[in-house]
C-alpha cells in the first residue's frame, strides 16, 4: 500500500495520512454450452495502511480523532463482515448505496503498537477492516467469459474453449493479466494436438495455456479459441471442468469506493485489484 517511508514527520496537529486497498476475488461457474448459464460470486476485503510514525501520535497523551470512513456505490453488496474488534457501523442507515463505519481507536492503537513491536523497521502497517460479498447471475458479471465444448467418442476426443474479455463487468476497464487456462488431462492417450501450443504438467496432469494479458495489443480484441484433441486409450473421455486464472490491478468488480469522513486524517492512496478464486467452465 505504501510507496515507501514518508519523508513527512508526523505531528499531532497534522492531518494523518492513511491509505486503503480493495482486494476482490471473483468466483465463476459457466455451465453447459449455453454461455448465458453462469453464476458469479465476488468476495472482497478492505485494508487500511498506516505509516509507522502514526503509532507515536495515536499513543500520545492527547486522544486521537476518531477515524471514520464511508463506502460509496455499495448497493450491490449483499453482506458486510466488519472486523468486530476494530470497526463499528450503524445498522439503521437508510441509503443502501452508502455505508458509514468508524474505528475503535484504542483497539486500533493497540494493534498498530503490536505490529510495530513485531516489525520495528517496517515503514507502514496494514490492518484488515472488513470483508464483503455479492453474487450475480449471467455472464455479464464475469470479466472473462468461457464456453467449453467436449466431443467424445471411443476413438477420439476434442475439446474447444472459447474465451472473451468483458469490460462491462469492471468498474473501470483494465486488462486481465497473467491469464492461464487449465485443462485436466489424466487419462492415457495418443496423438495429442493443441492449438495454440500449451505446456503439459505431468505431475498435476493438466494442460496449461498461457495467454498473458487480455486484451493485449490494440486490435487483438480480447477473445479467442483454444482447442485440444487426442485419441483416448481407455474408452471415451469423461468431460471435466476447465479452469481459468488471472489477476488485474487498478479496478474492482464491485465498483465500491471509499472516502474519509470527519477531520484529522487524509487519504494518501487507494489501490484496487482483483484476482480469480474458483473460476470454472463445465461442459
Foldseek 3Di string as FASTA:
>chain_A
DDPDFDPDQDDLPDAFEKAKEKEKAKAKEAEDQPLFFMKIKMKMWMKMKHFLNVLCNCPDPDHADKWKKKKAQQLQWPDKFFPVQWKDFDPPDDDSRMTMIITPSVSVSVVSVVVCVVPVPDRMDMDTTMMIMGMDGTCLQPQKGWGWDWDKFFWKIKIKIKIAGRQSLWLGRDKWFFKKKKAAADADWDDKDKVPDWDADPVRRITIDTPGIAPDPPPSRRIDMIMMMTTGPPGIDDWDKMWMWTKDWDIDRSNMDMDIDDTRHHYPYYIYMYIYDTYIYTD
